[in-house]
Amino acid sequence: MDEACPVPLIQIDACGRIVAVNSAFLRFLGPSDVEWLGSPWVKLLLPSHVAEAEGLAGTGWIGASERQFPLNDGRWVGLTVSVLEDGFVIGLHDTTAREVLEAARDHRRRAESIAQLAGAVARELNDPMSIVLGRLELLLALGPLADAAAVARHAAVALEHTRRVTASLRNLRLVGRSIAHRAEAVDMAEALRDALVLVGPRAAQVSVSVPPGAATGGDPAVIARILATQIRRVLDGAPRGVRVQVRRSRDSVEVEIGGPRADRRARVEAELDPGDLSLLAGAGGRIEVSSDGPGCALFLPLAAVPRARARRVEGRVIAVGHPDLADALGGVISREGFEVTQASSPSAALASLEDDPTILGLACDLFLGSTSGLAFAGEVARRHPEIAGRILLISEVGIANPPVGVQVVHPPLRRGPVLEALGRRVRRR
């Protein structure tokens, strides 16, 4: 061994056992109880990296490694391998300082990214929350004798900006969920609702048509991001608005976003962001773009999960509020033995509860025109204790102290939370 060499050196035989070391190696390791002569050289490394080092040696690799390896004492080394007649010489190059600097840089970059995200979220939420706070303070200042029209005006402004905050938080949730993919059946109506949240204020320019039962397979957050990206792209070239039409064929779900159906050509990768194409390919889909406008069509695979057989109707649920509430609720729980019926008004719902003993639950929106959904749900719980505990209040905002017997459910409606609120034990699929 070269005792004059400042680099720690070890000589190993064909079996990987140390047969000689130089003095620089002994100084590098310091005092040790290990008898290195005759020991496997990989004993220097952390056990988690031994297999990788042995695999590298098994390839007959010679020269300086780009890969760094951790020693048992926490330091990192790069390796240089030279060939001898009866073995090899391995040089150890201390790269601990470089690894520490790289780790510090990575940590700093992550911290900066988190700080930027936190700042963006704070800016996005601060303005609407300030407006909500100001309007509530005005309402308190007006007192109980305030003009009803003024109260309604201030409450409407506060509600509008509360919905803006809720949309921002849902946007953040969708983006976060898309990092970790999970494959499942994705209802296209729900996916488009989530996509329009990501589109933001311009979602008002989008009209959507989805046939019942249209579903694709994949990760809900990824599908929503794909749809939102293409809707935004088409909106950029069609400022007057965009129509989204969903069709179901034998082998795919087609989502047509603006543009005439006959004037499309196969995707042109130069026109689309590589990240979008990667997400789309990962979801098992493809895209065709319009030849003379911003329109496009996405082709997504059908849901791979088998459809469950419909169960016999075990009871009814009354839906009170937005006309689409019954359809949305029925799409979630109709296969679980529930039939959902839309009531035209809160009074009609109360009349149904009086006349029909098969009604097992009730769902209502937070705002029912001139009536508070919160007050209505509490009244139903008091007047009909037989369904108390199965009364759903659909609210985008949190309710701190809901009435006894009332369950708060946040949209979009999902099978698990809805069934649990109706008192049904949920079997996870």
Protein backbone atom coordinates (compact mmCIF):
# COMPACT_ATOMS: atom_id res chain seq x y z
CA MET A 1 0.00 0.00 0.00
CA ASP A 2 1.15 3.56 -0.75
CA GLU A 3 1.85 5.04 2.71
CA ALA A 4 2.66 8.43 1.19
CA CYS A 5 -0.80 8.76 -0.39
CA PRO A 6 -3.04 11.18 1.59
CA VAL A 7 -6.18 9.38 0.36
CA PRO A 8 -7.45 6.52 2.59
CA LEU A 9 -6.85 3.27 0.67
CA ILE A 10 -7.93 -0.31 1.20
CA GLN A 11 -6.82 -3.34 -0.80
CA ILE A 12 -9.39 -6.13 -1.18
CA ASP A 13 -9.20 -9.59 -2.67
CA ALA A 14 -11.54 -11.13 -5.23
CA CYS A 15 -13.96 -12.06 -2.45
CA GLY A 16 -14.24 -8.47 -1.22
CA ARG A 17 -12.22 -8.92 1.99
CA ILE A 18 -9.67 -6.33 3.13
CA VAL A 19 -6.08 -7.58 2.85
CA ALA A 20 -4.22 -4.28 3.43
CA VAL A 21 -4.83 -0.63 4.41
CA ASN A 22 -2.62 2.46 4.42
CA SER A 23 -1.94 4.79 7.35
CA ALA A 24 -4.27 7.47 5.89
CA PHE A 25 -7.12 4.96 6.19
CA LEU A 26 -6.37 4.38 9.87
CA ARG A 27 -6.19 8.13 10.54
CA PHE A 28 -9.42 8.67 8.61
CA LEU A 29 -11.37 6.14 10.68
CA GLY A 30 -9.69 6.94 14.00
CA PRO A 31 -9.55 4.53 16.93
CA SER A 32 -11.70 1.46 16.34
CA ASP A 33 -12.26 -1.94 17.93
CA VAL A 34 -12.84 -3.48 14.49
CA GLU A 35 -10.07 -5.64 13.05
CA TRP A 36 -10.30 -4.51 9.44
CA LEU A 37 -7.85 -7.01 7.95
CA GLY A 38 -9.88 -9.99 6.81
CA SER A 39 -13.21 -8.17 7.15
CA PRO A 40 -15.57 -7.50 4.19
CA TRP A 41 -14.94 -3.99 2.94
CA VAL A 42 -18.70 -3.24 2.82
CA LYS A 43 -18.65 -3.45 6.63
CA LEU A 44 -17.55 0.19 6.43
CA LEU A 45 -20.94 1.23 5.05
CA LEU A 46 -24.36 1.58 6.60
CA PRO A 47 -26.25 -1.72 6.28
CA SER A 48 -28.95 -0.03 4.17
CA HIS A 49 -26.37 0.69 1.41
CA VAL A 50 -24.43 -2.58 1.47
CA ALA A 51 -26.56 -4.27 -1.19
CA GLU A 52 -26.18 -1.31 -3.54
CA ALA A 53 -22.39 -1.25 -3.08
CA GLU A 54 -22.09 -5.02 -3.63
CA GLY A 55 -24.27 -4.75 -6.75
CA LEU A 56 -22.05 -1.99 -8.09
CA ALA A 57 -18.94 -4.08 -7.46
CA GLY A 58 -20.57 -7.07 -9.13
CA THR A 59 -20.82 -5.19 -12.42
CA GLY A 60 -17.02 -4.95 -12.66
CA TRP A 61 -17.16 -1.18 -12.37
CA ILE A 62 -13.78 0.60 -12.31
CA GLY A 63 -13.05 4.30 -11.77
CA ALA A 64 -14.53 7.12 -9.68
CA SER A 65 -18.14 6.79 -8.54
CA GLU A 66 -20.68 9.53 -8.95
CA ARG A 67 -22.72 7.89 -6.20
CA GLN A 68 -21.91 8.76 -2.60
CA PHE A 69 -22.10 6.18 0.21
CA PRO A 70 -22.66 6.72 3.96
CA LEU A 71 -20.23 5.22 6.47
CA ASN A 72 -21.31 3.78 9.80
CA ASP A 73 -20.08 6.90 11.60
CA GLY A 74 -22.37 9.17 9.54
CA ARG A 75 -19.79 10.52 7.09
CA TRP A 76 -20.21 10.25 3.33
CA VAL A 77 -17.55 9.05 0.88
CA GLY A 78 -17.05 8.74 -2.84
CA LEU A 79 -15.23 5.67 -4.12
CA THR A 80 -12.39 5.23 -6.61
CA VAL A 81 -11.61 1.66 -7.71
CA SER A 82 -8.39 0.46 -9.37
CA VAL A 83 -7.54 -3.06 -10.52
CA LEU A 84 -4.65 -5.19 -9.21
CA GLU A 85 -3.56 -8.63 -10.38
CA ASP A 86 -5.12 -10.32 -7.37
CA GLY A 87 -7.79 -7.86 -6.31
CA PHE A 88 -8.70 -4.18 -6.16
CA VAL A 89 -7.69 -0.97 -4.42
CA ILE A 90 -10.50 1.30 -3.22
CA GLY A 91 -9.88 4.94 -2.37
CA LEU A 92 -12.23 6.73 0.03
CA HIS A 93 -12.88 10.43 -0.66
CA ASP A 94 -14.61 12.31 2.15
CA THR A 95 -17.63 14.18 0.70
CA THR A 96 -19.42 14.81 4.00
CA ALA A 97 -19.15 18.59 3.73
CA ARG A 98 -20.59 18.50 0.22
CA GLU A 99 -23.47 16.27 1.29
CA VAL A 100 -24.23 18.54 4.24
CA LEU A 101 -24.25 21.58 1.95
CA GLU A 102 -26.50 19.80 -0.56
CA ALA A 103 -28.88 18.77 2.24
CA ALA A 104 -28.88 22.35 3.55
CA ARG A 105 -29.63 23.69 0.07
CA ASP A 106 -32.47 21.20 -0.40
CA HIS A 107 -33.89 22.10 3.00
CA ARG A 108 -33.64 25.80 2.19
CA ARG A 109 -35.37 25.31 -1.17
CA ARG A 110 -38.19 23.35 0.48
CA ALA A 111 -38.51 25.97 3.21
CA GLU A 112 -38.65 28.74 0.58
CA SER A 113 -41.30 26.85 -1.37
CA ILE A 114 -43.37 26.35 1.77
CA ALA A 115 -42.95 30.02 2.70
CA GLN A 116 -44.05 31.11 -0.79
CA LEU A 117 -47.05 28.80 -0.64
CA ALA A 118 -47.98 30.06 2.83
CA GLY A 119 -47.66 33.66 1.63
CA ALA A 120 -49.81 33.00 -1.43
CA VAL A 121 -52.48 31.29 0.68
CA ALA A 122 -52.40 34.13 3.21
CA ARG A 123 -52.82 36.72 0.44
CA GLU A 124 -55.62 34.73 -1.16
CA LEU A 125 -57.54 34.43 2.11
CA ASN A 126 -56.74 37.75 3.77
CA ASP A 127 -58.80 40.06 1.50
CA PRO A 128 -62.08 38.09 1.52
CA MET A 129 -61.79 37.38 5.26
CA SER A 130 -61.22 41.10 5.92
CA ILE A 131 -64.38 41.89 3.94
CA VAL A 132 -66.36 39.24 5.82
CA LEU A 133 -65.12 40.59 9.15
CA GLY A 134 -65.97 44.16 8.14
CA ARG A 135 -69.50 43.26 7.08
CA LEU A 136 -70.13 41.31 10.29
CA GLU A 137 -68.90 44.27 12.34
CA LEU A 138 -71.29 46.51 10.39
CA LEU A 139 -74.17 44.14 11.11
CA LEU A 140 -73.34 44.20 14.83
CA ALA A 141 -73.11 47.99 14.75
CA LEU A 142 -76.51 48.30 13.05
CA GLY A 143 -78.14 46.41 15.90
CA PRO A 144 -81.53 44.67 16.06
CA LEU A 145 -83.40 47.67 14.63
CA ALA A 146 -81.45 47.70 11.36
CA ASP A 147 -83.23 47.91 8.04
CA ALA A 148 -83.87 44.41 6.66
CA ALA A 149 -82.63 45.34 3.20
CA ALA A 150 -79.32 46.62 4.61
CA VAL A 151 -78.87 43.46 6.67
CA ALA A 152 -79.58 41.30 3.62
CA ARG A 153 -77.13 43.30 1.49
CA HIS A 154 -74.28 43.04 4.02
CA ALA A 155 -75.02 39.33 4.64
CA ALA A 156 -74.94 38.65 0.88
CA VAL A 157 -71.51 40.28 0.53
CA ALA A 158 -70.18 38.33 3.51
CA LEU A 159 -71.58 35.07 2.08
CA GLU A 160 -70.05 35.72 -1.36
CA HIS A 161 -66.56 36.21 0.09
CA THR A 162 -66.98 33.24 2.44
CA ARG A 163 -67.62 31.10 -0.63
CA ARG A 164 -64.49 32.57 -2.20
CA VAL A 165 -62.46 31.44 0.84
CA THR A 166 -64.07 28.00 0.69
CA ALA A 167 -63.24 27.70 -3.02
CA SER A 168 -59.60 28.66 -2.35
CA LEU A 169 -59.31 26.00 0.35
CA ARG A 170 -60.89 23.36 -1.90
CA ASN A 171 -58.45 24.37 -4.64
CA LEU A 172 -55.57 23.87 -2.23
CA ARG A 173 -56.97 20.50 -1.16
CA LEU A 174 -57.28 19.28 -4.75
CA VAL A 175 -53.74 20.35 -5.61
CA GLY A 176 -52.42 18.60 -2.50
CA ARG A 177 -54.35 15.41 -3.22
CA SER A 178 -52.99 15.19 -6.75
CA ILE A 179 -49.45 14.62 -5.40
CA ALA A 180 -50.34 11.12 -4.18
CA HIS A 181 -52.38 9.28 -6.80
CA ARG A 182 -55.12 6.85 -5.85
CA ALA A 183 -57.04 4.87 -8.42
CA GLU A 184 -60.82 4.60 -8.09
CA ALA A 185 -64.02 5.15 -10.02
CA VAL A 186 -64.47 8.88 -10.69
CA ASP A 187 -67.94 10.31 -11.29
CA MET A 188 -67.59 12.81 -14.14
CA ALA A 189 -70.13 15.22 -12.63
CA GLU A 190 -68.09 15.40 -9.42
CA ALA A 191 -64.82 15.67 -11.36
CA LEU A 192 -66.15 18.61 -13.36
CA ARG A 193 -67.42 20.35 -10.22
CA ASP A 194 -63.93 20.06 -8.73
CA ALA A 195 -62.39 21.20 -12.03
CA LEU A 196 -64.53 24.35 -12.08
CA VAL A 197 -63.32 25.17 -8.58
CA LEU A 198 -59.77 25.07 -9.95
CA VAL A 199 -60.77 27.21 -12.94
CA GLY A 200 -61.76 29.99 -10.54
CA PRO A 201 -63.97 33.01 -11.31
CA ARG A 202 -64.12 32.21 -15.03
CA ALA A 203 -66.08 29.05 -14.22
CA ALA A 204 -69.21 31.20 -14.60
CA GLN A 205 -68.49 31.21 -18.38
CA VAL A 206 -68.64 27.40 -18.56
CA SER A 207 -71.81 25.36 -19.13
CA VAL A 208 -71.67 21.64 -18.40
CA SER A 209 -73.75 18.71 -19.60
CA VAL A 210 -73.09 15.27 -18.07
CA PRO A 211 -75.27 12.17 -18.61
CA PRO A 212 -76.17 10.16 -15.49
CA GLY A 213 -73.69 7.42 -14.62
CA ALA A 214 -70.77 8.76 -16.68
CA ALA A 215 -67.62 7.68 -14.82
CA THR A 216 -63.95 7.18 -15.57
CA GLY A 217 -61.22 5.39 -13.66
CA GLY A 218 -58.25 7.07 -12.02
CA ASP A 219 -57.40 9.57 -9.32
CA PRO A 220 -60.19 12.15 -8.75
CA ALA A 221 -57.75 15.02 -8.11
CA VAL A 222 -55.68 14.24 -11.22
CA ILE A 223 -58.78 14.01 -13.43
CA ALA A 224 -60.01 17.35 -12.02
CA ARG A 225 -56.66 19.01 -12.75
CA ILE A 226 -56.59 17.67 -16.32
CA LEU A 227 -60.11 18.96 -16.97
CA ALA A 228 -59.38 22.34 -15.35
CA THR A 229 -56.21 22.85 -17.40
CA GLN A 230 -57.97 22.20 -20.71
CA ILE A 231 -61.03 24.28 -19.78
CA ARG A 232 -58.77 27.23 -18.92
CA ARG A 233 -56.85 26.78 -22.19
CA VAL A 234 -60.05 26.80 -24.25
CA LEU A 235 -61.42 29.78 -22.30
CA ASP A 236 -58.31 31.77 -23.23
CA GLY A 237 -59.34 31.50 -26.89
CA ALA A 238 -63.11 31.70 -26.36
CA PRO A 239 -63.79 34.64 -24.02
CA ARG A 240 -67.57 34.48 -24.54
CA GLY A 241 -67.85 31.12 -22.84
CA VAL A 242 -67.32 27.40 -23.30
CA ARG A 243 -69.63 24.40 -23.34
CA VAL A 244 -68.43 21.11 -21.83
CA GLN A 245 -70.30 18.07 -23.15
CA VAL A 246 -69.68 14.59 -21.70
CA ARG A 247 -70.58 11.50 -23.73
CA ARG A 248 -70.16 7.84 -22.88
CA SER A 249 -69.19 5.28 -25.52
CA ARG A 250 -68.50 1.57 -25.27
CA ASP A 251 -64.80 2.00 -24.52
CA SER A 252 -64.30 5.54 -23.20
CA VAL A 253 -65.76 8.70 -21.74
CA GLU A 254 -65.48 11.63 -24.17
CA VAL A 255 -65.30 15.16 -22.76
CA GLU A 256 -65.80 17.73 -25.52
CA ILE A 257 -64.65 21.21 -24.46
CA GLY A 258 -65.82 23.84 -26.98
CA GLY A 259 -65.16 23.66 -30.71
CA PRO A 260 -67.07 21.73 -33.39
CA ARG A 261 -66.80 17.99 -33.08
CA ALA A 262 -66.03 17.38 -36.76
CA ASP A 263 -63.02 19.69 -36.97
CA ARG A 264 -60.54 18.00 -34.69
CA ARG A 265 -57.21 16.38 -35.35
CA ALA A 266 -55.01 14.10 -33.30
CA ARG A 267 -53.14 15.77 -30.48
CA VAL A 268 -50.26 18.03 -31.40
CA GLU A 269 -47.75 17.78 -28.56
CA ALA A 270 -46.15 21.12 -29.39
CA GLU A 271 -49.43 22.85 -28.55
CA LEU A 272 -49.83 21.28 -25.13
CA ASP A 273 -47.80 21.48 -21.95
CA PRO A 274 -45.64 18.33 -21.41
CA GLY A 275 -46.87 18.14 -17.82
CA ASP A 276 -50.48 18.03 -19.03
CA LEU A 277 -49.65 15.28 -21.51
CA SER A 278 -47.85 13.32 -18.79
CA LEU A 279 -50.86 13.57 -16.46
CA LEU A 280 -53.22 12.59 -19.25
CA ALA A 281 -51.09 9.62 -20.31
CA GLY A 282 -50.82 8.54 -16.67
CA ALA A 283 -54.62 8.60 -16.43
CA GLY A 284 -54.83 6.36 -19.52
CA GLY A 285 -56.39 9.06 -21.72
CA ARG A 286 -55.69 10.90 -24.96
CA ILE A 287 -56.60 14.27 -26.44
CA GLU A 288 -57.69 15.66 -29.81
CA VAL A 289 -57.49 19.40 -30.46
CA SER A 290 -59.56 21.52 -32.81
CA SER A 291 -57.94 22.35 -36.16
CA ASP A 292 -59.41 25.86 -36.35
CA GLY A 293 -60.00 26.96 -32.76
CA PRO A 294 -59.20 26.36 -29.10
CA GLY A 295 -61.63 23.46 -28.65
CA CYS A 296 -60.53 19.94 -27.73
CA ALA A 297 -61.85 16.54 -26.74
CA LEU A 298 -60.49 14.33 -23.97
CA PHE A 299 -60.95 10.56 -24.14
CA LEU A 300 -60.74 8.94 -20.70
CA PRO A 301 -61.02 5.22 -19.88
CA LEU A 302 -64.21 3.86 -18.42
CA ALA A 303 -64.24 3.05 -14.73
CA ALA A 304 -62.56 -0.31 -14.25
CA VAL A 305 -64.43 -1.23 -11.08
CA PRO A 306 -67.53 -3.39 -11.58
CA ARG A 307 -70.87 -1.74 -10.97
CA ALA A 308 -72.63 -2.87 -7.83
CA ARG A 309 -76.11 -4.29 -8.25
CA ALA A 310 -78.83 -1.94 -7.09
CA ARG A 311 -80.28 -2.91 -3.74
CA ARG A 312 -83.99 -2.91 -3.02
CA VAL A 313 -85.30 0.35 -1.64
CA GLU A 314 -85.15 0.27 2.16
CA GLY A 315 -86.23 3.84 2.82
CA ARG A 316 -86.58 7.34 1.45
CA VAL A 317 -84.60 10.53 2.01
CA ILE A 318 -86.19 13.94 1.40
CA ALA A 319 -83.98 16.59 -0.23
CA VAL A 320 -84.78 20.27 0.34
CA GLY A 321 -82.92 23.11 -1.38
CA HIS A 322 -81.20 23.43 -4.75
CA PRO A 323 -83.01 21.54 -7.55
CA ASP A 324 -79.88 19.46 -8.22
CA LEU A 325 -79.56 18.30 -4.58
CA ALA A 326 -81.77 15.22 -5.04
CA ASP A 327 -79.86 14.12 -8.16
CA ALA A 328 -76.48 14.62 -6.48
CA LEU A 329 -77.57 12.79 -3.34
CA GLY A 330 -79.24 10.00 -5.30
CA GLY A 331 -76.10 9.44 -7.34
CA VAL A 332 -74.23 8.79 -4.09
CA ILE A 333 -76.64 6.61 -2.08
CA SER A 334 -79.22 5.13 -4.49
CA ARG A 335 -77.17 1.91 -4.75
CA GLU A 336 -77.15 1.62 -0.96
CA GLY A 337 -80.92 1.08 -0.66
CA PHE A 338 -82.06 4.72 -0.44
CA GLU A 339 -84.53 6.52 -2.68
CA VAL A 340 -84.13 10.32 -2.78
CA THR A 341 -87.11 12.61 -3.41
CA GLN A 342 -86.90 16.37 -3.96
CA ALA A 343 -89.28 18.51 -1.89
CA SER A 344 -90.40 21.76 -3.49
CA SER A 345 -90.18 23.70 -0.22
CA PRO A 346 -89.50 23.25 3.51
CA SER A 347 -93.26 23.15 4.18
CA ALA A 348 -93.70 20.41 1.57
CA ALA A 349 -90.91 18.43 3.23
CA LEU A 350 -92.65 18.72 6.63
CA ALA A 351 -95.92 17.54 5.06
CA SER A 352 -94.16 14.51 3.57
CA LEU A 353 -92.67 13.64 6.95
CA GLU A 354 -96.14 13.71 8.49
CA ASP A 355 -97.68 11.46 5.84
CA ASP A 356 -94.94 8.96 4.93
CA PRO A 357 -93.49 6.67 7.63
CA THR A 358 -90.93 5.19 5.16
CA ILE A 359 -88.87 8.40 5.19
CA LEU A 360 -85.61 7.58 6.98
CA GLY A 361 -83.77 10.89 6.63
CA LEU A 362 -83.71 14.43 5.33
CA ALA A 363 -81.05 16.54 3.61
CA CYS A 364 -81.22 20.32 3.19
CA ASP A 365 -79.01 23.16 2.01
CA LEU A 366 -77.71 25.76 4.45
CA PHE A 367 -79.62 28.49 2.61
CA LEU A 368 -83.26 27.86 1.63
CA GLY A 369 -84.23 31.20 0.12
CA SER A 370 -85.79 33.27 2.88
CA THR A 371 -85.45 30.39 5.36
CA SER A 372 -82.33 29.34 7.23
CA GLY A 373 -81.46 25.71 6.55
CA LEU A 374 -79.84 25.53 9.99
CA ALA A 375 -83.07 26.61 11.72
CA PHE A 376 -85.17 24.32 9.50
CA ALA A 377 -82.99 21.26 10.23
CA GLY A 378 -83.23 21.98 13.97
CA GLU A 379 -87.03 22.28 13.73
CA VAL A 380 -87.27 18.93 11.89
CA ALA A 381 -85.11 17.27 14.56
CA ARG A 382 -87.42 18.58 17.30
CA ARG A 383 -90.70 17.72 15.54
CA HIS A 384 -89.61 14.33 14.22
CA PRO A 385 -87.32 12.60 16.74
CA GLU A 386 -87.71 9.36 14.76
CA ILE A 387 -85.27 10.68 12.11
CA ALA A 388 -83.10 12.77 14.46
CA GLY A 389 -79.49 11.84 13.82
CA ARG A 390 -80.24 11.26 10.13
CA ILE A 391 -80.81 14.91 9.20
CA LEU A 392 -78.08 16.21 6.86
CA LEU A 393 -77.22 19.89 6.59
CA ILE A 394 -75.25 20.48 3.37
CA SER A 395 -72.85 23.36 4.07
CA GLU A 396 -69.65 24.59 2.46
CA VAL A 397 -68.70 26.31 5.73
CA GLY A 398 -68.15 24.74 9.12
CA ILE A 399 -70.98 24.86 11.67
CA ALA A 400 -69.59 25.15 15.20
CA ASN A 401 -72.65 23.97 17.16
CA PRO A 402 -75.25 22.32 14.92
CA PRO A 403 -78.62 21.45 16.50
CA VAL A 404 -78.92 18.12 18.26
CA GLY A 405 -79.68 15.38 15.74
CA VAL A 406 -78.32 17.32 12.75
CA GLN A 407 -75.24 16.10 10.86
CA VAL A 408 -73.19 18.61 8.85
CA VAL A 409 -71.88 17.31 5.49
CA HIS A 410 -69.55 19.33 3.26
CA PRO A 411 -69.83 19.21 -0.55
CA PRO A 412 -68.92 17.62 -2.85
CA LEU A 413 -71.09 14.79 -1.58
CA ARG A 414 -69.18 11.55 -1.08
CA ARG A 415 -70.51 8.08 -0.34
CA GLY A 416 -68.72 7.55 2.99
CA PRO A 417 -69.60 10.81 4.81
CA VAL A 418 -73.22 10.76 3.55
CA LEU A 419 -73.86 7.17 4.60
CA GLU A 420 -72.24 7.73 8.00
CA ALA A 421 -74.42 10.82 8.52
CA LEU A 422 -77.46 8.68 7.70
CA GLY A 423 -76.43 6.20 10.38
CA ARG A 424 -75.32 3.49 7.95
CA ARG A 425 -72.18 1.51 8.71
CA VAL A 426 -69.88 2.07 5.74
CA ARG A 427 -68.09 -0.82 4.12
CA ARG A 428 -64.98 0.59 2.48
CA ARG A 429 -64.61 -0.37 -1.18
